[in-house]
N, C-alpha and C. Protein backbone atom coordinates (compact mmCIF):
# COMPACT_ATOMS: atom_id res chain seq x y z
N MET A 1 140.97 168.00 -30.54
CA MET A 1 140.53 169.16 -29.37
C MET A 1 141.58 169.55 -28.77
N ALA A 2 141.94 170.25 -27.88
CA ALA A 2 142.76 171.02 -27.43
C ALA A 2 142.96 170.90 -25.56
N ALA A 3 143.65 170.23 -25.43
CA ALA A 3 143.57 170.41 -23.66
C ALA A 3 143.48 171.49 -23.01
N ALA A 4 142.53 171.02 -21.76
CA ALA A 4 141.84 172.73 -21.19
C ALA A 4 142.99 172.86 -20.35
N ARG A 5 143.76 174.08 -20.63
CA ARG A 5 144.91 174.70 -19.88
C ARG A 5 144.67 174.56 -18.08
N GLU A 6 145.78 174.33 -17.00
CA GLU A 6 145.71 174.38 -15.91
C GLU A 6 145.75 175.57 -15.41
N PRO A 7 145.40 175.89 -13.84
CA PRO A 7 145.55 177.09 -13.44
C PRO A 7 146.56 177.31 -13.35
N GLY A 8 147.45 178.47 -13.02
CA GLY A 8 148.62 179.11 -13.02
C GLY A 8 148.86 179.12 -11.53
N SER A 9 150.06 179.22 -11.29
CA SER A 9 150.54 179.06 -9.52
C SER A 9 149.96 180.11 -9.07
N PHE A 10 150.14 181.49 -10.00
CA PHE A 10 149.73 182.51 -9.57
C PHE A 10 148.36 183.06 -8.84
N ARG A 11 147.67 182.39 -9.80
CA ARG A 11 146.36 182.13 -9.63
C ARG A 11 145.62 181.09 -8.47
N LEU A 12 146.62 179.97 -8.34
CA LEU A 12 146.32 179.21 -7.22
C LEU A 12 146.10 179.75 -6.10
N VAL A 13 147.47 180.91 -6.07
CA VAL A 13 147.89 181.10 -4.86
C VAL A 13 146.98 182.42 -4.48
N ALA A 14 146.57 183.21 -5.45
CA ALA A 14 145.78 184.18 -5.19
C ALA A 14 144.52 183.74 -4.68
N THR A 15 143.83 182.51 -5.40
CA THR A 15 142.76 182.17 -4.92
C THR A 15 142.65 181.50 -3.27
N LEU A 16 143.64 180.90 -3.30
CA LEU A 16 143.48 180.18 -1.55
C LEU A 16 143.96 181.53 -0.72
N ALA A 17 144.34 182.63 -1.00
CA ALA A 17 144.92 183.99 -0.21
C ALA A 17 143.33 184.59 -0.05
N LEU A 18 142.70 184.61 -1.26
CA LEU A 18 141.44 185.41 -1.09
C LEU A 18 140.08 184.22 -0.39
N THR A 19 140.28 182.90 -0.08
CA THR A 19 139.87 182.03 0.45
C THR A 19 139.84 182.44 2.05
N GLY A 20 141.42 182.28 2.55
CA GLY A 20 141.85 182.78 3.53
C GLY A 20 141.09 183.97 4.39
N LEU A 21 141.55 184.98 3.66
CA LEU A 21 140.83 186.31 4.15
C LEU A 21 139.46 186.73 4.29
N ILE A 22 138.45 185.92 3.40
CA ILE A 22 136.95 185.22 3.55
C ILE A 22 136.86 184.49 4.75
N SER A 23 137.56 183.83 4.76
CA SER A 23 137.33 182.94 5.83
C SER A 23 137.74 183.43 7.56
N GLY A 24 138.88 184.38 7.29
CA GLY A 24 139.20 185.09 8.47
C GLY A 24 137.88 186.00 9.02
N LEU A 25 137.92 186.91 7.61
CA LEU A 25 136.71 188.06 8.10
C LEU A 25 135.31 187.61 8.50
N LEU A 26 134.95 186.30 8.06
CA LEU A 26 133.81 186.03 8.56
C LEU A 26 134.23 185.26 9.94
N LEU A 27 135.41 184.38 10.38
CA LEU A 27 135.16 184.34 11.64
C LEU A 27 135.64 185.28 12.73
N VAL A 28 136.17 186.64 12.54
CA VAL A 28 136.25 187.90 13.37
C VAL A 28 134.56 188.50 13.09
N GLY A 29 134.10 188.77 12.19
CA GLY A 29 132.89 189.12 12.69
C GLY A 29 132.13 188.28 13.59
N VAL A 30 131.74 187.24 13.25
CA VAL A 30 131.00 185.85 14.19
C VAL A 30 131.42 186.48 15.57
N TYR A 31 132.81 186.42 15.55
CA TYR A 31 133.56 186.50 16.98
C TYR A 31 132.92 188.09 17.63
N LEU A 32 133.21 189.02 16.89
CA LEU A 32 132.42 190.37 17.44
C LEU A 32 131.20 190.30 17.93
N LEU A 33 130.44 189.58 17.33
CA LEU A 33 128.94 189.41 17.42
C LEU A 33 128.41 188.90 18.41
N THR A 34 129.42 187.49 18.50
CA THR A 34 128.91 186.77 19.66
C THR A 34 129.66 187.37 21.11
N GLN A 35 130.91 187.94 20.98
CA GLN A 35 131.36 188.30 22.39
C GLN A 35 130.68 188.92 23.42
N PRO A 36 129.62 189.59 22.95
CA PRO A 36 129.19 190.46 24.09
C PRO A 36 128.09 189.49 24.94
N ARG A 37 127.69 188.85 24.26
CA ARG A 37 126.66 187.90 24.39
C ARG A 37 127.27 187.04 25.85
N ILE A 38 128.61 186.25 25.21
CA ILE A 38 129.55 185.32 25.69
C ILE A 38 129.97 185.76 27.15
N LEU A 39 130.00 187.58 26.85
CA LEU A 39 131.13 187.93 28.41
C LEU A 39 129.47 188.01 29.00
N ARG A 40 128.26 188.50 28.61
CA ARG A 40 127.33 188.62 29.19
C ARG A 40 126.64 187.30 29.73
N ASN A 41 126.63 186.59 29.39
CA ASN A 41 126.07 185.21 30.23
C ASN A 41 127.02 184.67 30.91
N GLN A 42 128.62 184.94 30.72
CA GLN A 42 129.67 184.28 31.88
C GLN A 42 129.23 185.26 33.09
N ALA A 43 129.11 186.42 32.77
CA ALA A 43 128.85 187.49 33.81
C ALA A 43 127.66 186.93 34.83
N GLU A 44 126.50 186.46 34.27
CA GLU A 44 125.20 186.27 35.06
C GLU A 44 125.49 184.94 35.53
N ALA A 45 125.84 183.79 34.67
CA ALA A 45 126.25 182.76 35.52
C ALA A 45 127.16 183.10 36.64
N LEU A 46 128.52 183.45 36.55
CA LEU A 46 129.14 184.29 37.99
C LEU A 46 128.59 184.81 38.83
N TYR A 47 127.30 185.41 38.60
CA TYR A 47 126.59 186.39 39.55
C TYR A 47 125.92 185.11 40.25
N ALA A 48 125.17 184.34 39.60
CA ALA A 48 124.44 183.38 40.23
C ALA A 48 124.79 182.73 40.98
N ALA A 49 125.96 181.89 41.00
CA ALA A 49 127.10 181.16 41.59
C ALA A 49 127.68 182.19 42.84
N ILE A 50 127.41 183.64 43.03
CA ILE A 50 127.43 184.03 43.90
C ILE A 50 127.09 184.20 45.49
N PHE A 51 125.62 184.19 44.46
CA PHE A 51 124.33 184.15 45.60
C PHE A 51 124.23 182.78 46.16
N ARG A 52 124.59 181.71 45.35
CA ARG A 52 125.00 180.17 46.06
C ARG A 52 125.85 180.35 46.77
N VAL A 53 126.72 180.63 46.74
CA VAL A 53 128.11 180.35 47.59
C VAL A 53 128.12 181.69 49.29
N LEU A 54 126.94 182.19 48.71
CA LEU A 54 126.82 183.27 49.87
C LEU A 54 125.48 183.37 50.43
N PRO A 55 125.07 182.51 51.16
CA PRO A 55 123.61 182.48 51.46
C PRO A 55 123.24 183.68 51.97
N GLY A 56 121.87 184.23 51.80
CA GLY A 56 121.95 185.62 52.35
C GLY A 56 121.94 186.87 52.16
N THR A 57 122.77 187.11 50.68
CA THR A 57 123.25 187.95 49.82
C THR A 57 122.36 188.61 49.18
N VAL A 58 122.02 189.94 49.25
CA VAL A 58 121.56 190.87 48.44
C VAL A 58 121.84 191.59 47.59
N GLU A 59 122.84 192.36 47.75
CA GLU A 59 123.29 192.79 47.21
C GLU A 59 125.34 192.63 46.95
N ILE A 60 125.91 192.47 45.67
CA ILE A 60 127.55 192.13 45.48
C ILE A 60 127.94 193.77 44.97
N LYS A 61 129.31 194.01 45.57
CA LYS A 61 130.34 194.65 45.44
C LYS A 61 131.92 194.25 44.57
N THR A 62 131.89 194.71 43.69
CA THR A 62 133.06 193.71 43.00
C THR A 62 134.35 194.45 43.57
N TYR A 63 135.71 193.96 43.85
CA TYR A 63 136.98 194.28 44.03
C TYR A 63 138.07 193.88 43.69
N VAL A 64 139.16 195.12 43.71
CA VAL A 64 140.02 194.34 42.98
C VAL A 64 141.84 194.69 43.80
N VAL A 65 142.64 193.87 43.56
CA VAL A 65 143.92 194.72 44.69
C VAL A 65 144.60 195.17 43.72
N ARG A 66 145.13 196.34 44.27
CA ARG A 66 146.12 197.28 43.87
C ARG A 66 146.54 197.29 44.98
N ASP A 67 148.20 197.50 44.76
CA ASP A 67 149.15 197.52 45.83
C ASP A 67 148.73 196.75 47.73
N ASN A 68 148.30 196.06 47.02
CA ASN A 68 148.18 194.78 48.32
C ASN A 68 147.03 195.02 48.95
N GLU A 69 146.51 196.08 48.09
CA GLU A 69 145.16 196.05 49.35
C GLU A 69 143.57 195.80 48.04
N LEU A 70 142.63 195.88 48.85
CA LEU A 70 141.33 195.67 48.23
C LEU A 70 141.15 196.81 47.35
N VAL A 71 140.59 197.26 46.61
CA VAL A 71 140.07 198.34 45.68
C VAL A 71 138.76 198.18 44.92
N TYR A 72 137.89 198.96 45.39
CA TYR A 72 136.58 198.60 45.06
C TYR A 72 136.50 199.06 43.27
N PHE A 73 135.77 198.48 42.56
CA PHE A 73 136.10 198.23 41.15
C PHE A 73 134.48 198.80 40.62
N GLU A 74 134.65 199.59 40.09
CA GLU A 74 133.01 199.70 39.95
C GLU A 74 132.71 199.08 38.33
N ALA A 75 132.23 198.46 38.05
CA ALA A 75 132.22 197.37 36.91
C ALA A 75 130.93 197.69 35.86
N PRO A 76 131.07 198.02 34.54
CA PRO A 76 130.07 198.13 33.73
C PRO A 76 128.95 196.81 33.84
N GLU A 77 127.32 197.52 33.67
CA GLU A 77 126.84 196.10 33.87
C GLU A 77 127.05 195.05 32.97
N GLY A 78 126.87 194.05 33.41
CA GLY A 78 127.04 192.76 32.09
C GLY A 78 128.96 192.35 32.02
N ARG A 79 129.72 193.13 32.64
CA ARG A 79 130.65 193.32 32.31
C ARG A 79 131.53 192.87 33.81
N LEU A 80 132.96 191.87 33.35
CA LEU A 80 133.58 191.53 34.82
C LEU A 80 135.05 192.36 34.76
N PRO A 81 135.55 192.52 35.63
CA PRO A 81 137.05 192.88 35.44
C PRO A 81 137.58 192.16 34.79
N THR A 82 138.84 192.59 34.16
CA THR A 82 139.89 191.59 33.24
C THR A 82 140.95 191.03 34.44
N GLU A 83 141.05 191.79 35.56
CA GLU A 83 142.11 191.22 36.29
C GLU A 83 141.16 190.54 37.61
N GLN A 84 142.43 189.93 38.67
CA GLN A 84 141.71 189.16 39.97
C GLN A 84 140.68 190.02 40.56
N ALA A 85 140.18 189.27 40.84
CA ALA A 85 138.52 190.32 41.32
C ALA A 85 138.15 188.93 42.47
N VAL A 86 137.91 189.66 43.74
CA VAL A 86 136.99 189.39 44.21
C VAL A 86 135.40 189.95 44.70
N PHE A 87 134.29 188.93 45.56
CA PHE A 87 133.09 190.10 45.56
C PHE A 87 132.23 189.45 46.54
N ALA A 88 132.00 191.07 47.47
CA ALA A 88 131.74 191.10 48.68
C ALA A 88 130.42 190.82 48.60
N GLY A 89 129.48 189.80 49.06
CA GLY A 89 128.14 189.80 49.66
C GLY A 89 128.00 190.44 50.78
N HIS A 90 126.76 191.46 50.66
CA HIS A 90 125.91 191.99 51.45
C HIS A 90 124.27 191.72 52.04
N ARG A 91 124.22 191.60 53.32
CA ARG A 91 122.77 191.71 53.72
C ARG A 91 121.73 192.84 53.18
N GLU A 92 120.59 192.60 53.35
CA GLU A 92 119.55 193.84 53.25
C GLU A 92 119.61 195.22 54.04
N ASP A 93 120.79 194.50 55.39
CA ASP A 93 120.75 195.79 56.57
C ASP A 93 122.14 196.64 55.98
N GLY A 94 122.82 195.72 55.02
CA GLY A 94 123.98 196.56 54.51
C GLY A 94 125.27 196.00 55.16
N SER A 95 125.29 194.58 56.23
CA SER A 95 126.27 194.02 56.42
C SER A 95 127.02 193.41 55.74
N LEU A 96 128.14 192.84 56.21
CA LEU A 96 129.08 191.75 55.00
C LEU A 96 128.63 190.01 55.71
N VAL A 97 128.26 189.96 54.48
CA VAL A 97 128.12 188.08 54.66
C VAL A 97 129.57 187.44 54.35
N GLY A 98 130.20 187.74 53.20
CA GLY A 98 131.36 187.62 53.27
C GLY A 98 131.66 187.47 51.74
N TYR A 99 133.00 187.04 51.32
CA TYR A 99 133.28 187.18 49.88
C TYR A 99 133.46 185.95 48.99
N ALA A 100 133.30 185.94 47.86
CA ALA A 100 133.13 185.18 47.02
C ALA A 100 134.63 185.17 46.36
N VAL A 101 135.13 183.91 46.15
CA VAL A 101 136.19 183.85 45.50
C VAL A 101 136.61 183.11 44.11
N PRO A 102 136.52 183.59 42.92
CA PRO A 102 136.73 182.63 42.47
C PRO A 102 138.10 182.04 42.24
N ALA A 103 138.80 180.70 41.93
CA ALA A 103 139.91 179.78 41.81
C ALA A 103 139.50 178.94 40.98
N ASP A 104 140.93 178.24 40.85
CA ASP A 104 141.03 177.28 39.58
C ASP A 104 142.53 176.43 39.83
N GLY A 105 142.56 175.43 39.37
CA GLY A 105 143.52 174.96 39.40
C GLY A 105 143.78 173.12 39.14
N PRO A 106 144.66 172.53 38.62
CA PRO A 106 144.51 171.50 37.79
C PRO A 106 144.12 170.35 38.59
N GLY A 107 143.29 169.54 37.60
CA GLY A 107 142.07 168.45 38.14
C GLY A 107 142.57 167.04 37.75
N PHE A 108 142.46 166.33 37.81
CA PHE A 108 142.45 164.84 37.37
C PHE A 108 142.69 164.66 35.58
N MET A 109 142.21 165.52 34.83
CA MET A 109 141.93 165.63 33.46
C MET A 109 142.02 166.64 33.12
N ASP A 110 141.80 168.03 33.68
CA ASP A 110 141.98 168.99 33.03
C ASP A 110 142.01 170.38 34.27
N THR A 111 141.82 171.56 33.74
CA THR A 111 141.65 172.72 34.72
C THR A 111 140.14 172.57 35.42
N ILE A 112 140.05 172.51 36.62
CA ILE A 112 138.92 173.20 37.55
C ILE A 112 138.84 174.49 38.07
N LYS A 113 137.79 174.97 37.43
CA LYS A 113 137.08 176.00 38.01
C LYS A 113 136.10 176.52 38.56
N LEU A 114 136.51 177.22 40.37
CA LEU A 114 135.08 177.58 40.86
C LEU A 114 135.47 178.71 41.42
N ILE A 115 134.14 178.49 42.46
CA ILE A 115 134.32 179.80 43.29
C ILE A 115 133.62 179.78 44.56
N TYR A 116 133.96 180.06 45.99
CA TYR A 116 133.82 179.77 46.93
C TYR A 116 133.16 180.76 47.76
N GLY A 117 132.97 181.03 49.23
CA GLY A 117 132.49 181.56 49.71
C GLY A 117 133.19 181.74 50.87
N TYR A 118 133.50 183.20 51.50
CA TYR A 118 134.55 182.77 52.46
C TYR A 118 134.03 183.72 53.57
N ASP A 119 134.14 183.86 54.69
CA ASP A 119 133.43 184.20 56.02
C ASP A 119 134.60 184.60 56.37
N PRO A 120 135.11 185.97 56.64
CA PRO A 120 136.25 186.23 57.77
C PRO A 120 136.29 186.43 58.65
N SER A 121 135.28 186.58 59.48
CA SER A 121 134.83 187.03 60.78
C SER A 121 134.85 185.47 61.24
N ARG A 122 134.00 184.46 60.69
CA ARG A 122 134.61 183.29 61.46
C ARG A 122 135.85 182.06 60.60
N ARG A 123 136.18 183.16 59.33
CA ARG A 123 137.76 182.36 59.01
C ARG A 123 137.11 181.10 58.43
N VAL A 124 136.01 180.92 57.85
CA VAL A 124 135.48 179.51 57.53
C VAL A 124 134.93 179.42 55.96
N ILE A 125 134.91 178.52 54.94
CA ILE A 125 134.59 178.49 54.11
C ILE A 125 132.73 178.40 54.33
N VAL A 126 131.87 178.88 53.27
CA VAL A 126 131.03 178.93 53.76
C VAL A 126 129.83 178.13 52.52
N GLY A 127 130.41 177.82 51.21
CA GLY A 127 129.64 177.70 50.29
C GLY A 127 131.37 177.18 48.99
N MET A 128 131.31 176.41 48.07
CA MET A 128 131.58 176.33 46.75
C MET A 128 130.65 175.47 45.76
N GLN A 129 130.95 176.28 44.74
CA GLN A 129 130.48 175.64 43.63
C GLN A 129 131.46 175.69 42.12
N VAL A 130 131.49 174.63 41.69
CA VAL A 130 131.94 174.38 40.40
C VAL A 130 131.77 174.75 39.43
N LEU A 131 132.70 175.61 38.52
CA LEU A 131 131.90 176.51 37.34
C LEU A 131 132.41 176.31 36.04
N ASP A 132 133.75 174.92 36.27
CA ASP A 132 133.99 174.86 34.86
C ASP A 132 135.03 173.37 35.14
N SER A 133 134.40 171.95 34.84
CA SER A 133 135.04 171.16 34.72
C SER A 133 135.24 170.07 33.69
N ARG A 134 135.85 169.06 33.40
CA ARG A 134 135.95 168.13 32.50
C ARG A 134 136.83 166.66 32.97
N GLU A 135 136.20 167.16 34.57
CA GLU A 135 136.84 165.21 35.05
C GLU A 135 135.59 164.42 34.74
N THR A 136 135.97 163.12 34.91
CA THR A 136 135.52 161.59 34.06
C THR A 136 134.38 161.76 34.63
N PRO A 137 133.22 161.75 33.25
CA PRO A 137 131.94 161.47 33.60
C PRO A 137 131.33 160.37 34.53
N GLY A 138 130.58 160.49 35.67
CA GLY A 138 129.92 159.31 36.53
C GLY A 138 130.99 159.16 37.94
N LEU A 139 132.12 160.11 37.36
CA LEU A 139 133.09 159.75 38.88
C LEU A 139 133.90 161.04 38.96
N GLY A 140 134.55 161.66 38.54
CA GLY A 140 135.22 163.02 38.90
C GLY A 140 134.34 164.15 39.06
N ASP A 141 133.48 164.03 37.92
CA ASP A 141 132.30 165.09 37.79
C ASP A 141 131.50 165.35 38.52
N LYS A 142 131.32 164.38 39.90
CA LYS A 142 130.62 164.16 41.32
C LYS A 142 131.15 165.14 42.23
N ILE A 143 132.27 166.20 41.80
CA ILE A 143 132.43 167.13 42.32
C ILE A 143 131.43 168.32 42.04
N ILE A 144 130.39 168.26 41.16
CA ILE A 144 129.72 169.46 40.66
C ILE A 144 128.27 168.60 41.51
N THR A 145 127.56 167.24 41.34
CA THR A 145 126.37 167.26 41.08
C THR A 145 126.10 166.43 42.75
N ASP A 146 127.43 166.02 43.70
CA ASP A 146 126.93 165.27 44.62
C ASP A 146 126.78 166.48 46.14
N PRO A 147 125.76 166.20 46.42
CA PRO A 147 125.09 166.96 47.72
C PRO A 147 125.96 166.72 49.06
N GLY A 148 126.67 165.33 48.94
CA GLY A 148 127.41 164.97 50.20
C GLY A 148 128.65 166.11 50.30
N PHE A 149 128.83 166.00 49.37
CA PHE A 149 130.31 166.38 49.08
C PHE A 149 130.27 167.83 49.46
N HIS A 150 129.55 168.25 49.00
CA HIS A 150 128.93 169.77 48.80
C HIS A 150 128.88 170.60 50.35
N GLN A 151 128.27 169.56 51.02
CA GLN A 151 127.96 169.94 51.94
C GLN A 151 129.09 170.05 53.47
N ASN A 152 129.99 169.83 52.71
CA ASN A 152 132.02 169.96 52.96
C ASN A 152 131.78 171.25 53.43
N PHE A 153 131.31 172.33 52.88
CA PHE A 153 131.90 173.60 52.33
C PHE A 153 131.09 174.28 53.09
N GLU A 154 129.90 174.04 53.74
CA GLU A 154 128.95 175.02 54.45
C GLU A 154 129.80 175.72 55.68
N ALA A 155 130.66 175.33 56.20
CA ALA A 155 131.42 175.53 57.36
C ALA A 155 132.69 175.16 57.56
N LEU A 156 133.59 175.09 56.64
CA LEU A 156 135.07 174.36 55.89
C LEU A 156 135.66 175.54 56.79
N ALA A 157 136.38 175.42 58.01
CA ALA A 157 137.64 175.90 58.53
C ALA A 157 138.49 175.86 57.61
N ILE A 158 139.51 177.32 57.16
CA ILE A 158 140.74 176.92 56.81
C ILE A 158 142.00 177.13 57.38
N GLU A 159 142.23 176.89 58.00
CA GLU A 159 143.16 176.53 59.39
C GLU A 159 143.50 175.80 60.27
N PRO A 160 144.25 174.73 60.38
CA PRO A 160 145.63 175.36 59.94
C PRO A 160 146.01 175.13 58.35
N GLU A 161 145.13 174.25 57.78
CA GLU A 161 144.83 173.93 56.59
C GLU A 161 144.10 173.25 56.41
N ILE A 162 143.00 173.17 55.13
CA ILE A 162 142.21 172.21 54.71
C ILE A 162 142.52 170.69 54.23
N VAL A 163 142.17 169.50 54.71
CA VAL A 163 142.28 168.18 54.53
C VAL A 163 141.46 167.43 53.82
N ALA A 164 141.90 166.46 53.00
CA ALA A 164 140.81 165.63 52.36
C ALA A 164 141.48 164.41 53.24
N VAL A 165 140.21 163.31 53.12
CA VAL A 165 140.00 162.55 54.35
C VAL A 165 138.59 161.79 53.75
N LYS A 166 139.15 160.36 53.78
CA LYS A 166 138.28 159.05 53.46
C LYS A 166 137.09 159.49 53.63
N LYS A 167 136.27 159.20 52.92
CA LYS A 167 134.55 159.43 53.15
C LYS A 167 134.01 158.45 54.11
N GLY A 168 133.55 159.28 55.15
CA GLY A 168 133.26 159.29 56.82
C GLY A 168 134.17 159.67 57.66
N LYS A 169 135.49 159.97 57.38
CA LYS A 169 136.69 160.12 58.10
C LYS A 169 136.54 161.43 58.94
N LYS A 170 135.26 162.12 58.36
CA LYS A 170 135.80 163.68 58.89
C LYS A 170 135.43 163.74 60.30
N GLU A 171 136.10 164.40 61.14
CA GLU A 171 136.42 164.51 62.37
C GLU A 171 136.16 166.24 62.84
N GLN A 172 137.32 166.59 61.94
CA GLN A 172 137.49 167.83 62.34
C GLN A 172 136.90 169.04 61.60
N PRO A 173 136.78 170.28 61.83
CA PRO A 173 135.95 171.31 60.99
C PRO A 173 136.90 171.38 59.66
N ASN A 174 138.25 171.25 59.74
CA ASN A 174 138.80 171.86 58.34
C ASN A 174 139.20 170.92 57.19
N GLU A 175 138.37 169.26 57.35
CA GLU A 175 138.29 168.33 56.57
C GLU A 175 137.36 167.99 56.05
N VAL A 176 137.49 167.61 55.10
CA VAL A 176 137.14 167.44 53.79
C VAL A 176 136.54 165.66 53.36
N ASP A 177 135.31 165.31 53.62
CA ASP A 177 135.24 163.93 53.47
C ASP A 177 135.19 163.80 51.77
N CYS A 178 136.17 163.03 51.12
CA CYS A 178 135.93 162.68 49.53
C CYS A 178 135.54 162.29 49.07
N ILE A 179 134.96 162.41 47.78
CA ILE A 179 133.89 160.93 47.19
C ILE A 179 134.77 160.00 47.17
N THR A 180 134.33 158.82 46.96
CA THR A 180 134.49 157.41 46.48
C THR A 180 134.33 157.20 45.14
N GLY A 181 135.99 156.91 44.64
CA GLY A 181 135.72 157.12 43.29
C GLY A 181 136.19 157.74 42.74
N ALA A 182 136.22 159.25 43.47
CA ALA A 182 136.88 160.92 42.55
C ALA A 182 137.68 161.36 43.79
N THR A 183 138.27 160.45 44.29
CA THR A 183 139.50 160.69 45.11
C THR A 183 140.60 161.59 44.99
N ILE A 184 140.94 161.75 43.85
CA ILE A 184 141.66 162.63 43.00
C ILE A 184 141.31 164.19 42.86
N SER A 185 139.68 163.74 42.23
CA SER A 185 139.17 165.10 41.54
C SER A 185 138.93 165.99 43.16
N SER A 186 138.40 165.21 44.50
CA SER A 186 138.31 166.14 45.56
C SER A 186 139.07 166.34 45.78
N GLU A 187 140.73 165.42 45.96
CA GLU A 187 141.35 166.30 46.81
C GLU A 187 142.23 167.49 46.11
N ALA A 188 141.78 167.54 44.68
CA ALA A 188 142.06 168.69 43.79
C ALA A 188 141.46 169.68 43.91
N VAL A 189 140.19 169.73 44.35
CA VAL A 189 139.46 170.83 44.89
C VAL A 189 140.09 171.52 46.47
N VAL A 190 140.22 170.16 46.91
CA VAL A 190 141.05 170.81 48.45
C VAL A 190 142.35 171.27 48.14
N GLY A 191 143.20 171.33 47.25
CA GLY A 191 144.35 171.87 46.73
C GLY A 191 143.91 173.42 46.33
N ILE A 192 142.63 173.52 45.36
CA ILE A 192 142.75 174.77 44.69
C ILE A 192 142.58 175.43 46.00
N LEU A 193 141.76 175.19 46.86
CA LEU A 193 141.35 176.17 47.94
C LEU A 193 142.47 176.33 49.27
N ASN A 194 142.90 175.68 49.45
CA ASN A 194 144.41 175.82 50.03
C ASN A 194 145.08 176.91 49.21
N LYS A 195 145.55 176.86 48.33
CA LYS A 195 146.23 177.80 47.40
C LYS A 195 145.87 179.09 47.34
N SER A 196 143.97 178.95 47.25
CA SER A 196 143.17 180.48 46.89
C SER A 196 143.32 181.19 48.44
N SER A 197 142.71 180.10 49.52
CA SER A 197 142.60 180.37 51.07
C SER A 197 143.66 181.12 51.59
N HIS A 198 144.72 181.16 50.95
CA HIS A 198 146.17 181.26 51.90
C HIS A 198 146.36 182.57 50.82
N GLN A 199 146.33 182.72 49.70
CA GLN A 199 146.59 184.00 48.91
C GLN A 199 145.47 184.93 49.52
N TRP A 200 144.52 184.68 49.61
CA TRP A 200 143.41 185.96 49.70
C TRP A 200 142.92 186.28 51.09
N ALA A 201 142.82 184.99 51.98
CA ALA A 201 142.37 185.53 53.41
C ALA A 201 143.04 186.43 54.27
N PRO A 202 144.63 186.68 53.90
CA PRO A 202 145.10 188.19 54.82
C PRO A 202 144.75 189.67 53.94
N LEU A 203 143.81 189.21 52.80
CA LEU A 203 143.40 190.08 52.40
C LEU A 203 141.96 191.01 52.57
N LEU A 204 141.11 189.44 52.70
CA LEU A 204 139.36 189.53 53.62
C LEU A 204 139.05 189.65 54.58
N VAL A 205 139.35 191.00 54.55
CA VAL A 205 139.07 190.93 56.44
C VAL A 205 137.72 191.20 57.27
N SER A 206 137.49 191.14 58.22
CA SER A 206 135.66 191.66 58.44
C SER A 206 135.51 192.74 58.84
N PRO A 207 134.61 193.61 59.27
CA PRO A 207 134.08 194.53 59.75
C PRO A 207 134.65 195.21 60.74
N GLU A 208 134.39 193.70 61.44
CA GLU A 208 135.62 194.33 63.16
C GLU A 208 136.98 194.35 62.86
N GLU A 209 137.88 193.87 61.73
CA GLU A 209 139.14 194.22 61.75
C GLU A 209 139.48 195.31 60.92
N THR A 210 138.91 195.86 60.42
CA THR A 210 138.29 197.53 60.03
C THR A 210 137.23 197.65 59.77
N SER A 211 136.93 199.57 59.71
CA SER A 211 136.02 199.98 59.31
C SER A 211 135.40 199.90 58.03
N GLU A 212 136.50 199.84 56.76
CA GLU A 212 136.37 200.29 55.54
C GLU A 212 137.21 199.53 54.50
N VAL A 213 137.20 198.83 53.60
CA VAL A 213 137.86 198.13 52.88
C VAL A 213 138.55 198.77 52.36
N SER A 214 138.08 200.09 51.47
CA SER A 214 138.65 200.82 50.46
C SER A 214 137.82 201.70 50.22
N GLN A 215 138.36 203.36 50.39
CA GLN A 215 137.83 204.54 49.80
C GLN A 215 137.96 204.52 48.11
N HIS A 216 139.24 204.00 47.36
CA HIS A 216 139.35 204.09 46.51
C HIS A 216 138.48 203.21 45.51
N VAL A 217 138.25 203.96 44.08
CA VAL A 217 137.31 203.37 43.50
C VAL A 217 138.87 203.64 41.94
N ALA A 218 138.64 201.89 41.42
CA ALA A 218 139.19 201.51 40.25
C ALA A 218 138.75 201.81 39.37
N PRO A 219 139.58 201.91 37.99
CA PRO A 219 138.60 202.50 37.03
C PRO A 219 138.01 201.15 36.15
N SER A 220 137.02 201.24 35.39
CA SER A 220 136.75 199.74 34.83
C SER A 220 137.75 199.93 33.42
N GLN A 221 137.34 198.87 32.99
CA GLN A 221 138.43 198.16 31.91
C GLN A 221 137.09 199.04 30.83
N PRO A 222 138.06 199.24 29.60
CA PRO A 222 137.34 199.26 28.20
C PRO A 222 136.73 198.14 28.06
């Protein structure tokens, strides 16, 4: 009986190349099919968080920074700008509640992504929600679930800067009680808020400081 011939090198390479091409096309197809839904879900989650960190908000307007000033961004429905943005929350009468500011920075395990509400007239943070965190389960992840920790951000002064203190030691309006057993994660949140508020506070003015943020409209991203 004749021995079976082994496939040649060319055939093996061609088979691998074809398999790789098909796999790549499948991955691209799945990505293109799921991307709109993913982006829509991300936008919905973000807007839900904005309403939570800016209590009293009934209308949200999006702004981006152009030439060191806030510019109104006319975002397509269900889409977010690809550049840094903040979100102005307004009451039913049109008055400004404050600004919701996304921010991120290093935590104990990985990057912490959060959003906070800022009242420019009082220069205080009025709410904070963690959007994404991989901190240690049962310890560091309490920055998401601990209601006592979140009470720190209901009227938190940003000046001269936010300071993390041991739990039960909070005495000043710019201090945050850390979570017992999750001090590093708590301090990481404080660090993110300090860095972000130093960047954004000069741009986020109250209606008393300016009658209009900007009349320019930024073009939406494709």
